Amino acid sequence: MIFENSGLEKMIVPQDVLQNIMNKNGWVLGGSWDYERMTFDYKYEIPEGIFYLRLPGYAIEGDVGARNAKLQLMDPYMGKHYFPTGLEYGADENFPERIVEHAVNNLRTVTKDLQELL
């Protein structure tokens, strides 16, 4: 499930600002980065399964590893985790309405927080 037109996909954000805002809102970076890309995750563990809301970004300037990048954010998306194969993002996935609502509200909060700092 892709969350299009969230406003995040138009943002260019300094890496340190993005890291602080995402951490404040419960997102984690973990090992989901390389020198050109970062992906922040918000994890949902509910009876129906494990779901991840993801926000990807790529460096248009600087280096993620050196922590001095400016990142172009992309459309957030959600997937369901299946053991042992990993995440599935297909249109045939069923996402519980309560986590979709939470995801939309969380994305609005992140967008607002970033707009206030940029």
Protein backbone atom coordinates (compact mmCIF):
# COMPACT_ATOMS: atom_id res chain seq x y z
CA MET A 1 0.00 0.00 0.00
CA ILE A 2 1.48 3.33 -1.10
CA PHE A 3 0.49 6.54 0.66
CA GLU A 4 0.58 8.95 -2.26
CA ASN A 5 0.36 12.74 -1.98
CA SER A 6 1.34 12.79 1.69
CA GLY A 7 3.44 15.88 1.07
CA LEU A 8 6.57 14.06 2.22
CA GLU A 9 7.53 13.08 -1.34
CA LYS A 10 8.16 16.77 -2.13
CA MET A 11 10.49 17.40 0.81
CA ILE A 12 14.25 17.72 0.84
CA VAL A 13 15.45 17.37 4.43
CA PRO A 14 18.85 17.51 6.17
CA GLN A 15 19.67 14.09 7.57
CA ASP A 16 20.01 15.20 11.19
CA VAL A 17 16.64 16.98 11.14
CA LEU A 18 14.95 13.94 9.59
CA GLN A 19 16.53 11.56 12.12
CA ASN A 20 15.32 13.67 15.06
CA ILE A 21 11.75 14.03 13.77
CA MET A 22 11.43 10.37 12.89
CA ASN A 23 12.74 9.24 16.29
CA LYS A 24 10.37 11.68 18.03
CA ASN A 25 7.43 10.07 16.21
CA GLY A 26 8.39 6.45 16.94
CA TRP A 27 10.18 5.55 13.71
CA VAL A 28 13.52 3.72 13.63
CA LEU A 29 16.34 3.67 11.10
CA GLY A 30 17.99 0.44 12.18
CA GLY A 31 20.19 -1.07 9.47
CA SER A 32 18.07 0.23 6.61
CA TRP A 33 20.58 2.58 5.06
CA ASP A 34 23.57 2.72 2.79
CA TYR A 35 25.64 5.68 1.61
CA GLU A 36 22.92 7.01 -0.69
CA ARG A 37 19.63 5.87 0.88
CA MET A 38 17.77 5.71 4.18
CA THR A 39 14.56 3.92 5.07
CA PHE A 40 12.72 4.64 8.29
CA ASP A 41 10.29 2.06 9.68
CA TYR A 42 7.31 2.22 11.98
CA LYS A 43 6.46 -1.30 13.19
CA TYR A 44 2.97 -2.55 14.01
CA GLU A 45 2.73 -5.86 15.91
CA ILE A 46 -0.94 -6.79 16.16
CA PRO A 47 -2.88 -10.09 16.27
CA GLU A 48 -3.33 -10.03 12.47
CA GLY A 49 0.44 -9.99 11.93
CA ILE A 50 3.45 -7.71 11.73
CA PHE A 51 3.24 -4.67 9.46
CA TYR A 52 5.78 -2.00 8.60
CA LEU A 53 5.14 1.57 7.52
CA ARG A 54 8.21 2.73 5.60
CA LEU A 55 9.52 6.10 4.53
CA PRO A 56 12.38 5.96 2.02
CA GLY A 57 14.69 8.77 1.03
CA TYR A 58 17.81 9.15 -1.07
CA ALA A 59 20.75 11.52 -0.80
CA ILE A 60 20.81 14.32 -3.36
CA GLU A 61 23.78 15.89 -1.60
CA GLY A 62 26.32 14.63 0.91
CA ASP A 63 26.74 11.14 2.31
CA VAL A 64 24.39 9.18 4.58
CA GLY A 65 27.31 7.28 6.14
CA ALA A 66 29.05 10.55 7.03
CA ARG A 67 25.74 11.87 8.42
CA ASN A 68 25.83 15.01 6.28
CA ALA A 69 23.27 14.18 3.59
CA LYS A 70 20.32 16.14 2.29
CA LEU A 71 17.61 13.62 1.53
CA GLN A 72 14.84 13.67 -1.04
CA LEU A 73 11.94 11.84 0.57
CA MET A 74 9.74 9.46 -1.39
CA ASP A 75 6.19 8.11 -1.03
CA PRO A 76 5.68 6.17 2.21
CA TYR A 77 4.38 2.62 1.88
CA MET A 78 3.20 -0.27 4.05
CA GLY A 79 3.94 -3.96 3.88
CA LYS A 80 3.14 -7.12 5.81
CA HIS A 81 5.89 -9.33 7.17
CA TYR A 82 5.86 -13.03 6.37
CA PHE A 83 8.34 -15.43 7.91
CA PRO A 84 10.79 -16.39 6.40
CA THR A 85 10.35 -14.48 3.13
CA GLY A 86 10.13 -10.91 4.44
CA LEU A 87 7.82 -8.04 3.53
CA GLU A 88 5.09 -8.16 0.92
CA TYR A 89 3.68 -4.94 -0.52
CA GLY A 90 1.25 -6.30 -3.11
CA ALA A 91 -2.20 -4.93 -3.86
CA ASP A 92 -3.69 -8.21 -2.62
CA GLU A 93 -2.44 -7.60 0.95
CA ASN A 94 -5.04 -6.83 3.60
CA PHE A 95 -4.18 -3.97 5.95
CA PRO A 96 -6.36 -3.55 9.05
CA GLU A 97 -8.21 -0.25 8.98
CA ARG A 98 -7.01 0.79 12.44
CA ILE A 99 -3.33 0.66 11.46
CA VAL A 100 -4.00 2.43 8.16
CA GLU A 101 -5.73 5.22 10.11
CA HIS A 102 -2.83 5.37 12.56
CA ALA A 103 -0.35 5.43 9.68
CA VAL A 104 -2.15 8.34 7.98
CA ASN A 105 -2.21 10.30 11.26
CA ASN A 106 1.45 9.52 11.94
CA LEU A 107 2.43 10.64 8.43
CA ARG A 108 0.49 13.89 8.91
CA THR A 109 2.33 14.51 12.18
CA VAL A 110 5.73 13.82 10.61
CA THR A 111 4.88 16.10 7.66
CA LYS A 112 3.77 18.90 10.00
CA ASP A 113 6.85 18.54 12.22
CA LEU A 114 9.17 18.68 9.20
CA GLN A 115 7.36 21.67 7.68
CA GLU A 116 7.76 23.59 10.93
CA LEU A 117 11.54 23.06 10.88
CA LEU A 118 12.18 23.67 7.18
